[in-house]
């Protein structure tokens, strides 16, 4: 599962992961991702940190309450942009 409010970011992740023959669900709304979340479905969750409505850390805590075995990685575009300059 990839959750990022920017459509371009989720599209790139989806294309890359599917090219590697992986199944991926993408969401641009963290509240929708949370409501659709099913425990024991995903091997990895990738969340943006800064999103409107609910940030990646809040989403992480709520998912962990539902599924304590999930593996979550947070990403933030600003940090990536700054490191590439």
N, C-alpha and C. Protein backbone atom coordinates (compact mmCIF):
# COMPACT_ATOMS: atom_id res chain seq x y z
N UNK A 1 0.85 -1.17 0.00
CA UNK A 1 0.00 0.00 0.00
C UNK A 1 0.90 1.24 0.00
N UNK A 2 0.59 2.15 -0.90
CA UNK A 2 1.29 3.43 -0.96
C UNK A 2 0.25 4.53 -0.72
N UNK A 3 0.55 5.42 0.24
CA UNK A 3 -0.38 6.51 0.54
C UNK A 3 0.39 7.82 0.46
N UNK A 4 -0.02 8.65 -0.47
CA UNK A 4 0.59 9.98 -0.67
C UNK A 4 -0.48 10.86 -1.29
N UNK A 5 -0.57 12.10 -0.85
CA UNK A 5 -1.60 13.00 -1.37
C UNK A 5 -1.30 13.48 -2.78
N UNK A 6 -0.10 13.25 -3.26
CA UNK A 6 0.26 13.69 -4.61
C UNK A 6 0.12 12.53 -5.60
N UNK A 7 -0.76 12.71 -6.58
CA UNK A 7 -1.05 11.67 -7.56
C UNK A 7 0.20 11.26 -8.33
N UNK A 8 1.05 12.21 -8.68
CA UNK A 8 2.28 11.89 -9.42
C UNK A 8 3.16 10.91 -8.65
N UNK A 9 3.25 11.09 -7.36
CA UNK A 9 4.09 10.22 -6.53
C UNK A 9 3.51 8.81 -6.49
N UNK A 10 2.22 8.69 -6.23
CA UNK A 10 1.63 7.35 -6.17
C UNK A 10 1.67 6.66 -7.53
N UNK A 11 1.55 7.42 -8.60
CA UNK A 11 1.63 6.83 -9.94
C UNK A 11 3.01 6.25 -10.19
N UNK A 12 4.06 6.99 -9.83
CA UNK A 12 5.43 6.50 -10.04
C UNK A 12 5.67 5.24 -9.22
N UNK A 13 5.27 5.24 -7.96
CA UNK A 13 5.44 4.05 -7.13
C UNK A 13 4.67 2.87 -7.71
N UNK A 14 3.44 3.10 -8.11
CA UNK A 14 2.61 2.02 -8.67
C UNK A 14 3.25 1.43 -9.91
N UNK A 15 3.68 2.29 -10.83
CA UNK A 15 4.30 1.79 -12.06
C UNK A 15 5.58 1.00 -11.77
N UNK A 16 6.41 1.53 -10.88
CA UNK A 16 7.65 0.85 -10.56
C UNK A 16 7.45 -0.49 -9.88
N UNK A 17 6.53 -0.53 -8.94
CA UNK A 17 6.29 -1.78 -8.22
C UNK A 17 5.61 -2.82 -9.11
N UNK A 18 4.68 -2.38 -9.94
CA UNK A 18 4.03 -3.32 -10.86
C UNK A 18 5.01 -3.83 -11.91
N UNK A 19 5.96 -3.01 -12.32
CA UNK A 19 6.99 -3.45 -13.26
C UNK A 19 7.85 -4.56 -12.64
N UNK A 20 7.96 -4.55 -11.32
CA UNK A 20 8.70 -5.59 -10.60
C UNK A 20 7.78 -6.77 -10.24
N UNK A 21 6.62 -6.83 -10.89
CA UNK A 21 5.63 -7.89 -10.67
C UNK A 21 5.09 -7.94 -9.25
N UNK A 22 4.95 -6.78 -8.63
CA UNK A 22 4.36 -6.67 -7.30
C UNK A 22 2.98 -6.05 -7.41
N UNK A 23 2.08 -6.49 -6.56
CA UNK A 23 0.75 -5.89 -6.51
C UNK A 23 0.79 -4.72 -5.55
N UNK A 24 0.13 -3.65 -5.93
CA UNK A 24 0.15 -2.45 -5.08
C UNK A 24 -1.20 -1.74 -5.13
N UNK A 25 -1.64 -1.28 -3.98
CA UNK A 25 -2.81 -0.42 -3.89
C UNK A 25 -2.29 0.97 -3.54
N UNK A 26 -2.78 1.97 -4.25
CA UNK A 26 -2.35 3.34 -3.97
C UNK A 26 -3.56 4.16 -3.54
N UNK A 27 -3.29 5.08 -2.63
CA UNK A 27 -4.32 5.99 -2.12
C UNK A 27 -3.74 7.40 -2.07
N UNK A 28 -4.57 8.36 -2.42
CA UNK A 28 -4.19 9.76 -2.32
C UNK A 28 -4.90 10.45 -1.15
N UNK A 29 -5.65 9.67 -0.42
CA UNK A 29 -6.38 10.17 0.75
C UNK A 29 -6.11 9.21 1.91
N UNK A 30 -5.41 9.67 2.95
CA UNK A 30 -5.09 8.78 4.06
C UNK A 30 -6.33 8.26 4.80
N UNK A 31 -7.38 9.04 4.85
CA UNK A 31 -8.60 8.60 5.52
C UNK A 31 -9.26 7.45 4.76
N UNK A 32 -9.24 7.52 3.44
CA UNK A 32 -9.76 6.42 2.61
C UNK A 32 -8.88 5.18 2.75
N UNK A 33 -7.57 5.38 2.77
CA UNK A 33 -6.64 4.25 2.95
C UNK A 33 -6.93 3.55 4.27
N UNK A 34 -7.15 4.31 5.32
CA UNK A 34 -7.44 3.73 6.63
C UNK A 34 -8.76 2.97 6.61
N UNK A 35 -9.78 3.55 6.00
CA UNK A 35 -11.09 2.88 5.99
C UNK A 35 -11.07 1.61 5.14
N UNK A 36 -10.22 1.56 4.11
CA UNK A 36 -10.12 0.37 3.26
C UNK A 36 -9.12 -0.66 3.77
N UNK A 37 -8.32 -0.31 4.77
CA UNK A 37 -7.24 -1.19 5.24
C UNK A 37 -7.79 -2.50 5.81
N UNK A 38 -7.15 -3.60 5.38
CA UNK A 38 -7.50 -4.93 5.88
C UNK A 38 -6.24 -5.56 6.45
N UNK A 39 -6.25 -5.98 7.71
CA UNK A 39 -5.07 -6.61 8.31
C UNK A 39 -4.60 -7.83 7.51
N UNK A 40 -3.31 -8.09 7.58
CA UNK A 40 -2.69 -9.25 6.93
C UNK A 40 -2.83 -9.25 5.42
N UNK A 41 -3.00 -8.07 4.82
CA UNK A 41 -3.13 -7.96 3.37
C UNK A 41 -1.82 -7.51 2.72
N UNK A 42 -1.07 -6.64 3.39
CA UNK A 42 0.09 -5.99 2.78
C UNK A 42 1.39 -6.44 3.45
N UNK A 43 2.42 -6.60 2.63
CA UNK A 43 3.76 -6.89 3.16
C UNK A 43 4.48 -5.62 3.57
N UNK A 44 4.13 -4.51 2.93
CA UNK A 44 4.80 -3.25 3.19
C UNK A 44 3.84 -2.09 2.97
N UNK A 45 3.92 -1.10 3.84
CA UNK A 45 3.12 0.11 3.71
C UNK A 45 4.08 1.29 3.58
N UNK A 46 3.85 2.13 2.59
CA UNK A 46 4.69 3.30 2.36
C UNK A 46 3.81 4.54 2.46
N UNK A 47 4.10 5.40 3.45
CA UNK A 47 3.28 6.58 3.71
C UNK A 47 4.09 7.85 3.55
N UNK A 48 3.48 8.84 2.93
CA UNK A 48 4.02 10.20 2.95
C UNK A 48 3.84 10.73 4.37
N UNK A 49 4.72 11.60 4.77
CA UNK A 49 4.61 12.16 6.12
C UNK A 49 3.61 13.31 6.15
N UNK A 50 3.71 14.22 5.19
CA UNK A 50 2.85 15.42 5.19
C UNK A 50 1.70 15.24 4.22
N UNK A 51 0.50 15.02 4.79
CA UNK A 51 -0.71 14.88 3.99
C UNK A 51 -1.83 15.63 4.70
N UNK A 52 -2.76 16.19 3.95
CA UNK A 52 -3.89 16.87 4.58
C UNK A 52 -4.86 15.85 5.17
N UNK A 53 -5.51 16.24 6.26
CA UNK A 53 -6.50 15.37 6.88
C UNK A 53 -5.90 14.45 7.94
N UNK A 54 -4.78 13.83 7.62
CA UNK A 54 -4.10 12.94 8.55
C UNK A 54 -2.68 12.76 8.05
N UNK A 55 -1.69 13.03 8.89
CA UNK A 55 -0.32 12.86 8.42
C UNK A 55 0.10 11.40 8.51
N UNK A 56 1.25 11.09 7.95
CA UNK A 56 1.72 9.72 7.89
C UNK A 56 1.95 9.08 9.25
N UNK A 57 2.35 9.87 10.23
CA UNK A 57 2.56 9.33 11.57
C UNK A 57 1.24 8.97 12.24
N UNK A 58 0.21 9.80 12.03
CA UNK A 58 -1.11 9.48 12.57
C UNK A 58 -1.67 8.22 11.92
N UNK A 59 -1.51 8.14 10.60
CA UNK A 59 -1.96 6.96 9.88
C UNK A 59 -1.23 5.72 10.38
N UNK A 60 0.06 5.84 10.61
CA UNK A 60 0.87 4.76 11.15
C UNK A 60 0.30 4.26 12.48
N UNK A 61 0.01 5.16 13.39
CA UNK A 61 -0.51 4.77 14.70
C UNK A 61 -1.87 4.06 14.59
N UNK A 62 -2.71 4.56 13.71
CA UNK A 62 -4.03 3.95 13.56
C UNK A 62 -3.93 2.56 12.91
N UNK A 63 -3.05 2.42 11.93
CA UNK A 63 -2.85 1.11 11.30
C UNK A 63 -2.26 0.13 12.32
N UNK A 64 -1.29 0.58 13.10
CA UNK A 64 -0.68 -0.29 14.12
C UNK A 64 -1.71 -0.76 15.14
N UNK A 65 -2.72 0.05 15.43
CA UNK A 65 -3.80 -0.37 16.33
C UNK A 65 -4.61 -1.52 15.73
N UNK A 66 -4.73 -1.52 14.40
CA UNK A 66 -5.49 -2.55 13.69
C UNK A 66 -4.64 -3.78 13.42
N UNK A 67 -3.38 -3.55 13.05
CA UNK A 67 -2.50 -4.63 12.59
C UNK A 67 -1.09 -4.37 13.12
N UNK A 68 -0.76 -4.90 14.27
CA UNK A 68 0.53 -4.61 14.90
C UNK A 68 1.72 -5.24 14.18
N UNK A 69 1.47 -6.13 13.21
CA UNK A 69 2.57 -6.78 12.49
C UNK A 69 2.95 -6.08 11.19
N UNK A 70 2.31 -5.01 10.85
CA UNK A 70 2.58 -4.33 9.58
C UNK A 70 3.94 -3.64 9.60
N UNK A 71 4.58 -3.60 8.42
CA UNK A 71 5.86 -2.92 8.24
C UNK A 71 5.59 -1.63 7.48
N UNK A 72 6.02 -0.51 8.06
CA UNK A 72 5.69 0.79 7.49
C UNK A 72 6.96 1.60 7.27
N UNK A 73 7.03 2.24 6.10
CA UNK A 73 8.11 3.16 5.78
C UNK A 73 7.48 4.51 5.50
N UNK A 74 8.08 5.56 6.06
CA UNK A 74 7.61 6.93 5.79
C UNK A 74 8.54 7.57 4.77
N UNK A 75 7.96 8.33 3.86
CA UNK A 75 8.76 9.07 2.89
C UNK A 75 8.29 10.51 2.89
N UNK A 76 9.23 11.38 2.56
CA UNK A 76 8.90 12.81 2.50
C UNK A 76 9.64 13.40 1.31
N UNK A 77 8.89 13.91 0.36
CA UNK A 77 9.47 14.43 -0.87
C UNK A 77 10.45 15.56 -0.61
N UNK A 78 10.16 16.43 0.33
CA UNK A 78 11.02 17.58 0.58
C UNK A 78 12.44 17.12 0.93
N UNK A 79 12.56 16.12 1.80
CA UNK A 79 13.89 15.63 2.16
C UNK A 79 14.61 15.05 0.96
N UNK A 80 13.89 14.34 0.12
CA UNK A 80 14.50 13.76 -1.08
C UNK A 80 14.95 14.87 -2.01
N UNK A 81 14.11 15.88 -2.22
CA UNK A 81 14.48 17.01 -3.08
C UNK A 81 15.72 17.71 -2.57
N UNK A 82 15.79 17.93 -1.25
CA UNK A 82 16.93 18.65 -0.68
C UNK A 82 18.22 17.84 -0.82
N UNK A 83 18.17 16.55 -0.70
CA UNK A 83 19.36 15.72 -0.80
C UNK A 83 19.87 15.61 -2.24
N UNK A 84 18.97 15.80 -3.20
CA UNK A 84 19.36 15.71 -4.61
C UNK A 84 19.96 16.99 -5.14
N UNK A 85 19.85 18.08 -4.40
CA UNK A 85 20.37 19.36 -4.88
C UNK A 85 21.83 19.51 -4.60
